[in-house]
Protein backbone atom coordinates (compact mmCIF):
# COMPACT_ATOMS: atom_id res chain seq x y z
CA MET A 1 -0.31 -0.12 0.11
CA SER A 2 1.86 3.38 -1.01
CA LEU A 3 0.62 6.74 0.69
CA ASP A 4 2.98 8.15 -2.44
CA ILE A 5 1.27 9.42 -5.10
CA SER A 6 3.34 10.19 -8.28
CA ILE A 7 3.00 13.39 -10.38
CA ASN A 8 3.79 14.96 -13.67
CA LEU A 9 6.29 17.37 -11.96
CA ASN A 10 6.95 18.82 -15.60
CA SER A 11 3.28 20.49 -15.46
CA LEU A 12 3.39 21.65 -11.64
CA GLN A 13 6.76 23.07 -12.75
CA MET A 14 5.07 25.24 -15.61
CA ILE A 15 2.10 26.33 -13.35
CA ARG A 16 3.53 26.81 -10.29
CA GLU A 17 4.58 30.48 -10.27
CA GLU A 18 0.72 31.44 -11.44
CA VAL A 19 -0.81 28.75 -8.55
CA VAL A 20 1.60 30.23 -5.90
CA ASN A 21 0.34 34.11 -7.22
CA THR A 22 -3.18 33.28 -7.07
CA ILE A 23 -3.22 31.86 -3.52
CA GLU A 24 -1.27 35.12 -2.41
CA GLN A 25 -4.10 37.65 -4.22
CA SER A 26 -6.59 35.45 -2.67
CA ALA A 27 -5.15 35.85 0.60
CA VAL A 28 -4.77 39.71 0.10
CA ASP A 29 -8.28 39.93 -1.09
CA PHE A 30 -9.05 38.20 2.34
CA GLU A 31 -7.29 40.54 4.29
CA ALA A 32 -9.35 43.27 2.30
CA TYR A 33 -12.50 41.89 3.13
CA MET A 34 -11.83 41.96 6.74
CA ALA A 35 -10.40 45.77 6.81
CA ASP A 36 -13.68 46.09 5.39
CA GLN A 37 -16.95 43.82 5.47
CA ASP A 38 -18.78 45.79 3.31
CA SER A 39 -16.34 45.11 0.44
CA VAL A 40 -18.13 41.99 -0.71
CA GLU A 41 -16.07 42.00 -4.04
CA HIS A 42 -12.98 41.04 -2.17
CA ILE A 43 -14.23 38.25 -0.45
CA GLN A 44 -15.92 37.02 -3.69
CA ASP A 45 -12.82 37.24 -5.49
CA SER A 46 -10.85 35.34 -2.73
CA ALA A 47 -13.19 32.51 -2.81
CA ALA A 48 -13.17 32.18 -6.71
CA GLY A 49 -9.19 32.40 -6.53
CA MET A 50 -9.26 29.59 -4.39
CA ALA A 51 -11.51 27.83 -6.89
CA GLN A 52 -9.19 27.89 -9.73
CA VAL A 53 -6.45 26.83 -7.68
CA GLY A 54 -8.88 23.71 -6.65
CA GLY A 55 -10.02 23.67 -10.63
CA THR A 56 -5.93 23.25 -11.56
CA PHE A 57 -4.84 20.78 -9.58
CA ARG A 58 -8.03 18.55 -10.01
CA MET A 59 -7.30 18.60 -13.83
CA LEU A 60 -3.21 17.65 -12.87
CA GLU A 61 -4.68 15.00 -10.71
CA TYR A 62 -2.82 16.24 -7.57
CA PRO A 63 -5.39 14.94 -5.09
CA GLY A 64 -4.33 16.65 -2.00
CA ALA A 65 -3.59 20.06 -3.29
CA ALA A 66 -6.90 20.48 -4.95
CA LEU A 67 -9.00 19.31 -1.80
CA LEU A 68 -6.57 21.87 0.59
CA ALA A 69 -7.49 24.51 -2.06
CA ASP A 70 -11.27 23.94 -2.44
CA GLU A 71 -11.92 23.06 0.95
CA THR A 72 -10.25 26.88 1.26
CA ALA A 73 -12.50 28.12 -0.85
CA THR A 74 -15.68 26.70 1.14
CA LEU A 75 -14.25 28.20 4.43
CA ILE A 76 -14.38 31.59 2.52
CA ASN A 77 -17.60 31.29 1.02
CA TYR A 78 -19.06 30.41 4.74
CA ILE A 79 -17.56 33.50 6.07
CA ALA A 80 -19.23 35.51 3.48
CA SER A 81 -22.53 34.08 4.76
CA LEU A 82 -22.06 35.09 8.43
CA GLU A 83 -24.09 37.92 9.52
CA ASN A 84 -20.95 38.58 12.32
CA THR A 85 -17.07 38.82 12.33
CA PRO A 86 -15.91 35.42 12.48
CA GLY A 87 -14.31 34.21 15.20
CA ASP A 88 -10.13 33.71 15.62
CA ASN A 89 -10.55 29.95 14.92
CA ILE A 90 -12.19 30.66 11.47
CA ILE A 91 -9.39 33.42 10.85
CA ASN A 92 -6.67 31.15 12.19
CA ALA A 93 -7.52 27.93 9.58
CA LEU A 94 -7.98 30.09 7.05
CA THR A 95 -4.53 31.73 7.52
CA ASN A 96 -2.62 28.44 8.01
CA ALA A 97 -4.03 27.27 5.20
CA PHE A 98 -3.21 30.14 3.12
CA PHE A 99 0.31 29.53 4.66
CA MET A 100 0.42 25.60 4.12
CA LEU A 101 -0.88 25.71 0.57
CA PRO A 102 2.51 26.90 -0.80
CA ARG A 103 4.55 25.27 1.48
CA TYR A 104 2.72 21.84 0.39
CA ILE A 105 3.62 22.31 -3.30
CA GLU A 106 7.31 23.57 -2.77
CA PHE A 107 7.28 20.33 -0.85
CA ILE A 108 6.30 17.71 -3.34
CA MET A 109 8.64 19.26 -5.47
CA MET A 110 10.99 18.89 -3.43
CA ARG A 111 9.87 15.36 -2.66
CA GLN A 112 9.03 14.83 -6.70
CA SER A 113 5.81 12.48 -5.57
CA ALA A 114 2.77 13.86 -3.59
CA LEU A 115 1.70 12.45 -0.02
CA PRO A 116 -1.45 14.10 0.40
CA ILE A 117 -2.26 12.32 3.90
CA LEU A 118 0.12 15.12 5.19
CA ILE A 119 -2.82 17.66 4.33
CA ILE A 120 -5.37 15.82 6.48
CA PRO A 121 -4.82 17.95 9.78
CA THR A 122 -4.90 21.12 7.85
CA VAL A 123 -8.02 20.08 5.89
CA ASN A 124 -9.67 19.40 8.72
CA GLU A 125 -8.82 22.32 10.72
CA LEU A 126 -10.75 23.72 7.99
CA ARG A 127 -13.58 21.63 8.27
CA ILE A 128 -14.00 22.44 11.82
CA ALA A 129 -14.31 26.05 11.53
CA GLY A 130 -16.90 25.59 9.22
CA LYS A 131 -18.59 23.30 11.21
CA GLN A 132 -18.05 20.20 8.89
CA SER A 133 -17.61 16.78 9.88
CA LEU A 134 -14.09 15.46 9.44
CA LEU A 135 -12.49 13.43 7.10
CA PRO A 136 -10.59 10.38 7.95
CA GLU A 137 -7.45 10.08 7.71
CA TYR A 138 -7.47 7.54 4.95
CA HIS A 139 -9.33 9.41 2.56
CA PHE A 140 -6.62 9.17 -0.32
CA TYR A 141 -6.63 5.42 0.37
CA SER A 142 -8.74 2.20 0.32
CA MET A 143 -9.62 0.16 2.97
CA LYS A 144 -11.88 -2.53 1.74
CA GLY A 145 -11.58 -5.92 3.14
CA THR A 146 -10.33 -5.21 6.17
CA THR A 147 -12.82 -5.27 8.63
CA LEU A 148 -13.53 -8.71 9.25
CA ALA A 149 -11.38 -10.51 12.44
CA THR A 150 -10.95 -13.99 11.96
CA GLY A 151 -8.94 -16.69 13.88
CA LEU A 152 -8.48 -14.29 17.17
CA GLU A 153 -8.07 -16.75 20.04
CA PRO A 154 -9.50 -15.81 23.60
CA VAL A 155 -7.28 -13.62 25.69
CA GLY A 156 -8.31 -14.84 29.53
CA SER A 157 -10.92 -16.52 30.76
CA SER A 158 -14.40 -15.15 30.38
CA GLU A 159 -15.37 -13.24 33.84
CA VAL A 160 -18.10 -10.63 32.34
CA GLY A 161 -19.83 -10.28 35.85
CA GLU A 162 -16.72 -9.17 37.26
CA LEU A 163 -16.15 -7.00 33.57
CA LEU A 164 -19.43 -5.16 34.41
CA SER A 165 -18.68 -4.74 38.07
CA SER A 166 -15.40 -3.14 37.22
CA ILE A 167 -16.27 -1.39 34.18
CA GLY A 168 -17.05 1.88 35.90
CA ARG A 169 -13.71 2.26 37.39
CA LEU A 170 -11.99 1.18 34.04
CA ARG A 171 -13.44 3.78 31.91
CA HIS A 172 -12.54 6.30 34.81
CA MET A 173 -9.04 4.86 34.35
CA TYR A 174 -9.21 5.56 30.36
CA GLN A 175 -10.82 8.70 30.88
CA THR A 176 -8.04 9.87 33.26
CA GLY A 177 -5.84 9.20 30.47
CA LEU A 178 -7.80 10.54 27.81
CA LEU A 179 -8.19 13.95 29.63
CA GLY A 180 -4.31 14.06 29.93
CA VAL A 181 -4.13 13.46 26.24
CA ILE A 182 -6.42 16.16 24.94
CA ASN A 183 -5.45 18.99 27.59
CA GLN A 184 -1.91 18.46 27.46
CA LYS A 185 0.09 20.26 24.78
CA ARG A 186 2.77 17.34 24.57
CA PRO A 187 1.35 14.72 26.37
CA GLY A 188 3.64 11.86 28.43
CA THR A 189 3.22 8.41 27.08
CA HIS A 190 1.96 7.28 30.77
CA TYR A 191 -1.67 8.82 29.60
CA TYR A 192 -1.60 6.25 26.64
CA GLN A 193 -0.45 3.64 28.93
CA LEU A 194 -3.20 4.22 31.64
CA MET A 195 -5.62 4.25 28.65
CA ALA A 196 -3.89 1.33 27.29
CA ARG A 197 -4.01 -0.84 30.92
CA SER A 198 -7.75 -0.26 30.80
CA ILE A 199 -9.02 -1.53 27.39
CA SER A 200 -6.15 -4.47 28.44
CA ARG A 201 -7.69 -5.26 31.49
CA ALA A 202 -11.80 -5.21 30.19
CA VAL A 203 -10.42 -7.61 26.82
CA GLY A 204 -8.61 -9.94 29.37
CA MET A 205 -12.09 -10.22 31.21
CA MET A 206 -14.68 -10.58 27.86
CA GLY A 207 -12.93 -13.93 27.17
CA ALA A 208 -14.49 -15.51 24.23
CA HIS A 209 -17.28 -12.68 23.74
CA GLU A 210 -18.40 -12.01 20.42
CA GLN A 211 -17.15 -8.39 20.83
CA GLN A 212 -13.69 -9.14 22.08
CA PRO A 213 -11.97 -9.24 18.60
CA ALA A 214 -12.96 -5.27 18.00
CA TRP A 215 -12.01 -4.33 21.55
CA ARG A 216 -8.80 -6.17 20.99
CA LEU A 217 -8.22 -3.91 17.97
CA ALA A 218 -8.64 -1.15 20.25
CA SER A 219 -6.39 -2.08 22.86
CA ALA A 220 -3.68 -2.86 20.22
CA VAL A 221 -4.01 0.76 18.58
CA LEU A 222 -3.62 2.08 22.43
CA GLU A 223 -0.45 -0.51 23.09
CA CYS A 224 1.05 1.56 19.51
CA PHE A 225 0.60 4.94 20.89
CA ALA A 226 1.74 4.29 24.57
CA ALA A 227 5.00 2.74 22.56
CA GLY A 228 5.32 5.99 21.51
CA THR A 229 4.77 5.17 17.39
CA LEU A 230 1.69 7.28 16.80
CA GLU A 231 1.80 10.69 16.43
CA LEU A 232 -1.48 12.61 18.11
CA THR A 233 -4.02 14.54 15.78
CA ILE A 234 -7.06 16.03 15.59
CA ASN A 235 -8.56 12.68 13.74
CA ARG A 236 -6.83 10.54 16.37
CA LYS A 237 -7.96 12.58 19.62
CA ARG A 238 -11.85 12.20 18.08
CA ILE A 239 -11.17 8.04 17.64
CA LEU A 240 -9.64 7.61 21.25
CA ALA A 241 -13.12 10.07 22.61
CA ASN A 242 -15.34 7.12 20.48
CA ILE A 243 -13.59 4.04 22.43
CA GLU A 244 -14.28 5.97 25.51
CA LYS A 245 -18.03 6.21 23.86
CA MET A 246 -18.05 2.56 23.66
CA LEU A 247 -16.95 2.16 27.04
CA ARG A 248 -19.64 4.64 28.59
CA GLN A 249 -21.92 2.64 26.78
CA VAL A 250 -21.50 -0.88 28.55
CA VAL A 251 -21.46 1.00 31.76
CA SER A 252 -25.07 2.62 30.94
CA LYS A 253 -26.54 -0.90 29.55
CA GLY A 254 -24.55 -3.42 30.94
CA GLU A 255 -24.17 -6.57 29.13
CA HIS A 256 -26.66 -5.27 26.78
CA GLY A 257 -24.34 -2.14 25.97
CA LEU A 258 -21.24 -5.05 25.87
CA ASN A 259 -23.08 -6.71 22.92
CA GLN A 260 -23.25 -3.63 21.01
CA ALA A 261 -21.23 -4.07 18.17
CA MET A 262 -18.11 -1.57 17.68
CA PRO A 263 -18.99 1.09 14.65
CA ASP A 264 -17.63 0.47 11.02
CA SER A 265 -16.22 3.22 10.74
CA VAL A 266 -14.48 3.09 14.36
CA ILE A 267 -12.87 -0.12 13.47
CA THR A 268 -11.46 1.40 9.97
CA ASP A 269 -10.55 4.69 12.05
CA LEU A 270 -8.36 1.99 14.11
CA LEU A 271 -7.37 -0.46 11.15
CA PHE A 272 -5.77 2.52 9.55
CA LEU A 273 -3.74 3.32 12.76
CA LEU A 274 -2.48 -0.10 13.34
CA MET A 275 -1.26 -0.03 9.61
CA LEU A 276 0.88 3.20 9.75
CA SER A 277 2.07 2.33 13.44
CA PRO A 278 6.09 0.44 13.32
CA HIS A 279 5.39 -1.37 16.63
CA HIS A 280 5.39 -5.00 16.98
CA THR A 281 4.44 -7.20 19.74
CA PRO A 282 2.93 -10.86 19.37
CA GLU A 283 -0.21 -9.35 20.02
CA VAL A 284 -0.24 -6.28 18.10
CA ASP A 285 0.75 -9.10 15.12
CA ALA A 286 -1.64 -11.09 15.99
CA VAL A 287 -4.52 -8.67 15.82
CA ARG A 288 -3.11 -7.42 12.59
CA GLN A 289 -3.02 -10.94 10.84
CA ALA A 290 -6.80 -11.92 12.32
CA TYR A 291 -7.56 -8.78 10.29
CA SER A 292 -5.56 -9.39 7.39
CA LEU A 293 -3.38 -6.30 7.56
CA ASN A 294 -0.92 -7.73 4.71
CA ASP A 295 -0.54 -4.52 2.83
CA THR A 296 1.34 -2.26 4.90
CA PRO A 297 1.89 1.04 3.65
CA ASP A 298 5.52 2.14 2.65
CA LEU A 299 5.80 5.13 5.19
CA ASP A 300 4.71 4.55 8.91
CA ASP A 301 3.85 7.04 11.05
CA LYS A 302 7.20 7.77 12.30
CA GLU A 303 8.24 8.50 8.63
CA LEU A 304 4.89 10.94 8.29
CA VAL A 305 5.66 12.98 11.18
CA ARG A 306 9.47 13.40 9.89
CA GLN A 307 7.93 14.70 6.56
CA ARG A 308 5.30 16.96 8.05
CA GLU A 309 8.20 18.46 10.20
CA LEU A 310 9.95 19.06 6.57
CA MET A 311 6.83 20.60 5.17
CA HIS A 312 6.39 22.79 8.24
CA GLY A 313 9.71 23.69 9.42
CA PRO A 314 11.21 23.44 13.01
CA GLY A 315 9.10 21.76 15.11
CA GLN A 316 9.03 21.79 19.17
CA ASP A 317 11.64 18.45 18.66
CA ALA A 318 14.07 19.82 16.83
CA ILE A 319 14.24 23.26 18.93
CA GLU A 320 14.52 20.67 22.05
CA SER A 321 17.34 19.24 19.89
CA VAL A 322 19.16 22.60 19.69
CA SER A 323 18.72 23.37 23.36
CA ARG A 324 20.31 19.90 24.23
CA LEU A 325 23.17 20.66 21.60
CA LEU A 326 23.69 24.17 23.32
CA LYS A 327 23.86 22.50 26.97
CA GLU A 328 26.70 20.23 25.48
CA GLU A 329 28.47 23.55 24.41
CA LEU A 330 28.04 24.96 28.11
CA HIS A 331 29.59 21.77 29.41
CA GLN A 332 32.72 22.25 27.38
CA ALA A 333 32.91 25.43 28.93
CA LYS A 334 32.72 25.18 32.10
CA ASP A 335 35.23 21.77 31.74
CA VAL A 336 37.61 24.56 29.89
CA LEU A 337 36.85 27.26 33.08
CA GLU A 338 37.59 24.87 35.95
CA ILE A 339 41.12 23.37 34.69
CA SER A 340 41.98 27.26 34.16
CA SER A 341 40.85 28.57 37.30
CA GLN A 342 42.53 25.49 39.50
CA ASN A 343 45.96 26.79 37.52
CA ASN A 344 45.00 30.25 37.47
CA MET A 345 46.01 30.68 33.97
CA ILE A 346 44.67 29.30 30.35
CA ASP A 347 46.93 27.76 27.56
CA SER A 348 46.54 29.44 23.89
CA ASP A 349 44.31 26.36 23.08
CA ASP A 350 42.23 26.48 25.69
CA TYR A 351 41.39 29.92 25.24
CA ALA A 352 40.82 29.70 21.69
CA THR A 353 38.02 26.49 22.23
CA LEU A 354 36.72 28.33 25.02
CA GLN A 355 35.93 32.10 22.87
CA SER A 356 34.51 30.04 20.00
CA THR A 357 32.51 27.85 22.48
CA LEU A 358 30.97 30.90 23.83
CA GLU A 359 30.49 32.67 20.40
CA ARG A 360 28.70 29.40 18.83
CA ILE A 361 26.32 29.70 22.33
CA ALA A 362 25.66 33.10 22.14
CA ASP A 363 24.84 33.04 18.08
CA THR A 364 22.53 29.95 19.26
CA LEU A 365 20.71 32.05 22.33
CA MET A 366 19.47 34.03 19.57
CA ILE A 367 17.74 31.35 17.51
CA LEU A 368 15.71 30.55 20.81
CA ASN A 369 15.10 34.39 21.11
CA LEU A 370 16.66 34.43 24.69
CA THR A 371 18.01 37.27 24.44
CA GLY A 372 18.67 38.24 28.15
CA PRO A 373 21.50 35.59 28.56
CA GLN A 374 22.87 36.26 25.19
CA GLN A 375 23.44 39.78 26.45
CA THR A 376 25.25 38.67 29.68
CA LEU A 377 26.87 36.41 27.60
CA LYS A 378 28.20 39.01 24.91
CA LEU A 379 29.60 40.94 28.08
CA GLN A 380 31.38 38.00 29.07
CA LEU A 381 32.74 37.45 25.55
CA GLU A 382 34.24 41.27 25.41
CA LYS A 383 35.86 40.42 29.05
CA VAL A 384 37.32 37.20 27.80
CA ALA A 385 38.86 38.97 24.73
CA LEU A 386 41.17 41.04 26.87
CA TRP A 387 42.41 37.89 28.42
CA SER A 388 44.41 37.08 25.28
CA ASP A 389 47.27 39.34 26.64
CA LYS A 390 47.47 37.97 29.78
CA LYS A 391 46.83 34.45 29.56
CA ALA A 392 49.05 33.64 32.56
CA ASP A 393 48.43 36.60 34.83
CA LEU A 394 44.50 35.97 35.67
CA GLU A 395 42.86 34.99 39.04
CA THR A 396 40.37 32.65 39.91
CA ALA A 397 37.56 35.82 39.89
CA ASP A 398 38.22 36.50 36.38
CA PHE A 399 37.02 32.34 35.77
CA LEU A 400 34.34 32.42 38.10
CA GLU A 401 32.31 35.37 36.68
CA VAL A 402 32.41 33.72 33.59
CA ALA A 403 31.41 30.35 34.78
CA ASP A 404 28.26 31.90 36.73
CA THR A 405 27.24 33.40 33.48
CA VAL A 406 27.54 29.82 31.74
CA LEU A 407 25.62 28.19 35.14
CA PHE A 408 22.77 30.99 34.79
CA ILE A 409 22.55 30.38 30.89
CA GLU A 410 22.23 26.50 31.58
CA ASN A 411 19.81 26.70 34.44
CA SER A 412 18.01 29.06 32.26
CA LEU A 413 17.68 25.87 29.58
CA SER A 414 16.38 23.37 32.45
CA VAL A 415 13.78 26.04 33.99
CA LEU A 416 12.40 27.11 30.68
CA GLU A 417 12.46 23.42 29.06
CA ARG A 418 10.04 22.58 32.28
CA GLY A 419 8.23 25.24 32.05
CA LYS A 420 8.83 26.85 35.57
CA ILE A 421 9.28 30.26 33.65
CA SER A 422 8.54 32.76 30.92
CA LEU A 423 10.95 33.33 28.43
CA ASP A 424 10.27 36.76 29.17
CA GLU A 425 11.35 36.60 32.95
CA ILE A 426 14.72 35.10 31.81
CA ASN A 427 14.86 38.11 29.32
CA GLU A 428 14.96 40.47 31.76
CA GLY A 429 17.83 39.31 33.64
CA ASN A 430 17.86 41.23 36.95
CA GLU A 431 19.18 39.76 40.00
CA HIS A 432 16.34 38.70 41.34
CA THR A 433 14.97 36.83 38.49
CA ARG A 434 18.71 35.18 38.20
CA ASN A 435 18.58 33.91 41.93
CA LYS A 436 15.21 32.66 40.93
CA ILE A 437 16.31 30.24 38.31
CA VAL A 438 19.49 29.15 39.81
CA ALA A 439 17.19 28.37 43.43
CA GLY A 440 14.81 26.87 41.21
CA SER A 441 17.12 24.41 39.21
CA TYR A 442 18.94 23.50 42.43
CA LEU A 443 15.71 22.61 44.04
CA ALA A 444 14.48 21.05 40.98
CA GLU A 445 17.63 18.88 40.92
CA THR A 446 16.86 17.71 44.53
CA GLU A 447 13.32 16.69 43.52
CA LYS A 448 14.51 14.75 40.56
CA LEU A 449 16.58 12.58 42.87
CA VAL A 450 13.71 12.24 45.42
CA ILE A 451 11.50 11.31 42.86
CA ALA A 452 13.69 8.86 41.11
CA GLU A 453 14.33 7.13 44.37
CA ALA A 454 10.14 6.99 44.81
CA GLU A 455 10.14 5.46 41.20
CA ALA A 456 12.77 3.11 41.75
CA GLY A 457 10.84 2.22 45.12
CA ILE A 458 7.55 1.94 42.87
CA ALA A 459 9.05 -0.37 40.55
CA LEU A 460 11.14 -2.55 43.19
CA ALA A 461 7.52 -3.18 44.98
CA LYS A 462 5.54 -4.55 41.55
CA ARG A 463 8.43 -6.39 40.94
CA ALA A 464 8.46 -8.28 44.27
CA ILE A 465 4.56 -8.50 43.78
CA THR A 466 5.16 -10.23 40.43
CA SER A 467 7.58 -12.92 42.03
CA TYR A 468 4.62 -13.40 44.51
CA VAL A 469 2.14 -14.28 42.19
CA ASP A 470 4.59 -16.60 39.98
CA SER A 471 5.65 -18.49 42.81
CA ASN A 472 1.95 -19.04 44.18
CA PHE A 473 1.91 -16.51 46.59
CA ASP A 474 4.86 -17.41 48.85
CA ALA A 475 4.88 -14.59 51.39
CA ALA A 476 8.45 -14.28 51.67
CA HIS A 477 8.42 -12.35 48.30
CA VAL A 478 6.36 -9.57 49.84
CA ALA A 479 8.14 -9.39 53.16
CA ASN A 480 9.45 -5.84 52.43
CA VAL A 481 6.86 -4.12 50.40
CA VAL A 482 5.29 -2.73 53.02
CA VAL A 483 8.67 -1.03 53.99
CA THR A 484 9.58 -0.15 50.31
CA LEU A 485 6.43 1.73 50.02
CA ASP A 486 6.77 3.65 53.43
CA THR A 487 10.08 4.56 52.12
CA VAL A 488 8.72 6.12 49.36
CA ARG A 489 5.80 7.61 51.23
CA GLY A 490 8.12 9.48 53.17
CA GLY A 491 10.14 11.03 50.68
CA LEU A 492 7.00 12.12 49.32
CA GLN A 493 5.40 13.79 52.47
CA MET A 494 8.95 15.68 52.20
CA LEU A 495 8.07 17.24 48.87
CA ASN A 496 4.83 17.96 49.75
CA TYR A 497 2.82 15.47 47.56
CA ASN A 498 0.40 13.94 50.25
CA ARG A 499 -2.12 13.26 48.05
CA ALA A 500 0.13 10.41 46.63
CA ALA A 501 1.73 9.32 50.35
CA ALA A 502 -1.76 8.99 51.61
CA VAL A 503 -2.66 6.26 48.16
CA LEU A 504 0.84 4.76 49.31
CA LYS A 505 -0.37 4.26 52.95
CA SER A 506 -3.46 2.72 51.97
CA SER A 507 -1.54 0.30 49.46
CA SER A 508 1.04 -1.05 51.96
CA ALA A 509 -2.33 -1.03 54.68
CA PHE A 510 -3.69 -3.14 51.53
CA VAL A 511 -0.09 -5.88 50.77
CA GLU A 512 0.36 -5.85 55.08
CA SER A 513 -3.66 -7.17 55.32
CA HIS A 514 -3.76 -9.31 51.84
CA MET A 515 -0.09 -10.84 53.67
CA LYS A 516 -2.24 -12.00 56.59
CA GLN A 517 -4.87 -13.93 54.57
CA THR A 518 -4.70 -17.64 54.20
CA ASP A 519 -8.45 -17.65 52.22
CA ALA A 520 -8.42 -15.08 49.44
CA GLY A 521 -8.91 -17.97 46.94
CA ASN A 522 -9.30 -17.39 43.88
CA GLN A 523 -9.92 -13.64 44.28
CA ARG A 524 -5.98 -13.23 44.52
CA HIS A 525 -5.36 -12.69 40.94
CA GLN A 526 -7.90 -10.17 40.63
CA LEU A 527 -7.08 -8.27 44.07
CA LEU A 528 -3.58 -7.95 43.41
CA GLU A 529 -4.53 -6.98 39.70
CA THR A 530 -6.72 -4.11 41.09
CA LEU A 531 -3.52 -3.06 43.33
CA ALA A 532 -1.15 -3.30 40.22
CA ASP A 533 -3.74 -0.24 38.78
CA ALA A 534 -2.84 1.88 42.10
CA LEU A 535 0.71 1.68 41.77
CA ILE A 536 0.74 1.74 38.12
CA SER A 537 -1.39 5.04 38.42
CA LEU A 538 1.15 6.09 40.74
CA GLU A 539 3.94 5.22 39.09
CA TYR A 540 2.50 7.07 35.83
CA TYR A 541 1.77 10.38 38.29
CA LEU A 542 5.87 10.26 39.46
CA ASN A 543 6.72 10.08 35.91
CA GLU A 544 4.71 13.56 35.07
CA ILE A 545 6.74 15.31 37.93
CA SER A 546 9.95 13.63 36.59
CA VAL A 547 9.55 15.03 33.41
CA GLY A 548 9.17 18.96 34.58
CA GLN A 549 5.27 18.70 34.32
CA THR A 550 2.67 20.00 36.81
CA ALA A 551 1.23 17.05 38.69
CA ASN A 552 -1.87 15.57 37.60
CA ASP A 553 -4.24 14.48 40.19
CA LYS A 554 -6.44 13.20 38.06
CA ILE A 555 -3.84 10.42 37.56
CA LEU A 556 -4.09 9.68 41.50
CA GLU A 557 -8.08 9.30 41.55
CA VAL A 558 -7.65 5.89 39.57
CA ALA A 559 -5.22 4.84 41.86
CA GLU A 560 -7.66 6.13 44.78
CA GLU A 561 -10.76 4.32 43.11
CA SER A 562 -8.59 1.13 42.62
CA LEU A 563 -7.63 1.04 46.72
CA ALA A 564 -11.54 1.60 47.49
CA ALA A 565 -12.32 -1.16 45.58
CA LEU A 566 -10.18 -3.18 47.64
CA GLY A 567 -11.43 -2.08 50.47
CA PHE A 568 -8.91 0.40 51.81
CA ALA A 569 -10.12 3.83 50.52
CA VAL A 570 -7.91 6.81 50.78
CA ASP A 571 -9.05 9.27 53.54
CA GLY A 572 -11.48 7.44 55.05
CA LYS A 573 -13.75 7.28 52.14
CA PRO A 574 -14.75 3.41 51.77
CA LEU A 575 -16.56 1.89 49.13
CA ALA A 576 -17.59 -1.63 48.35
CA THR A 577 -14.79 -4.05 47.62
CA GLU A 578 -14.54 -5.90 44.56
CA ALA A 579 -15.00 -9.15 46.43
CA GLU A 580 -18.55 -7.48 47.74
CA VAL A 581 -19.42 -6.49 44.46
């Protein structure tokens, strides 16, 4: 299956300049209309221009460019029909389309082939602004013959009653992950892992239920998201929301809701995502084979993301890459300064290295728009330039002053990446801001160490519980789990993460109580799986803190619900245990 479409470059080369001029004139006409909305002829000319571009590309058989031009013309006509001034979302969508169409033309000429899937997000942005339904990602490609699953062996034993009693909590687990994915600009993989675990748990309890293949497909796609092999787009947010809608149906209608078939449109969307993902596990591959996904695309989603970034220009990942390279340069400068300060001199080679390194850092800071730190470094470069005549007659204070600036820049990059300070504050460069940046960076490093120890403690407890199950419940494997969890709890309390500490307190109380029970019988596995839900949720919570984001307490709600289901409610809010349900 090829996502690329061959094109006639000669014909495009001949009309390219004229087409781009038409697009630019259409944008100018639209701006004139926005400045004076009584000038109806301007918006009519704008729409006519884009309709002409769309017709030209249809004639040349460039489906992606034709669609984008047509949808742009449609939105312009929609704006003309409005009685009031269009909202920012409409203006932004149209502005983006005027920008993207010439970029797309330039991109396909560079690639020498069209990749129309790349413009689907831009097209859907236009359609949302014009209150139209979204086009599927597979709009340009055939998905026939891939909607029936055959030969999928059941996963787990049939425990539909157990599933129906747990579905509310599993749905909340899924919702927590979904909200994180939708609300965060760059959601961590733990949100996807939370959703994937929710559906995986549900699938494990369905057994041979007739709807299990569709749910296993959803589970496989979520596993691909959790593995970081699928990008998040407008379409995919809707797909993930549709899975939540199916869960809501089971919650509200019980077994009747579970018996309802997943819509073909949702299944087709999921199949296309599974085809795009390069992720491979035995379960994911089994689902692929069952749905006859033999015709895999020539480009996977990772490559599509790379191609889209090339089309758009530098993205956030590119900016972070620049920041990482900058920190390497800073470390090199610090090494030279440290050695030179110890010797109270700097030799010619080290001097040349330091000067060139600091100059590169200053140039890179300008790229990142860090004008404040750049100006500070420029002042130090002027002082370093004076060292050329007295390399052997320098004092420690000379090196320390430059080193302080280098540390300030390094700490500024760290707090900026974590979102703890604004670009404007960094560029102010006053003494208060510098102290705030340095203090915040050192505090963050300390917190990072404590959180890392906490994550290690949770991981150790999970491994111990796994060994406990594998050994047919030999209590020796979990003898130290309570101590481990209490140690982690102490560290979190020191950092004032009191709600997470309360979750750990209830978790250790359950483990201690469970070790004393000798008659848990067949419920042991489900009880420990529910405890695992709590620990995994806590693990994701800590992961979010460790990557510098604001802690999302919604994740802890999943842990609290799991512990309440075990009869060890956090903060004294008892609920019925899963055993009682």
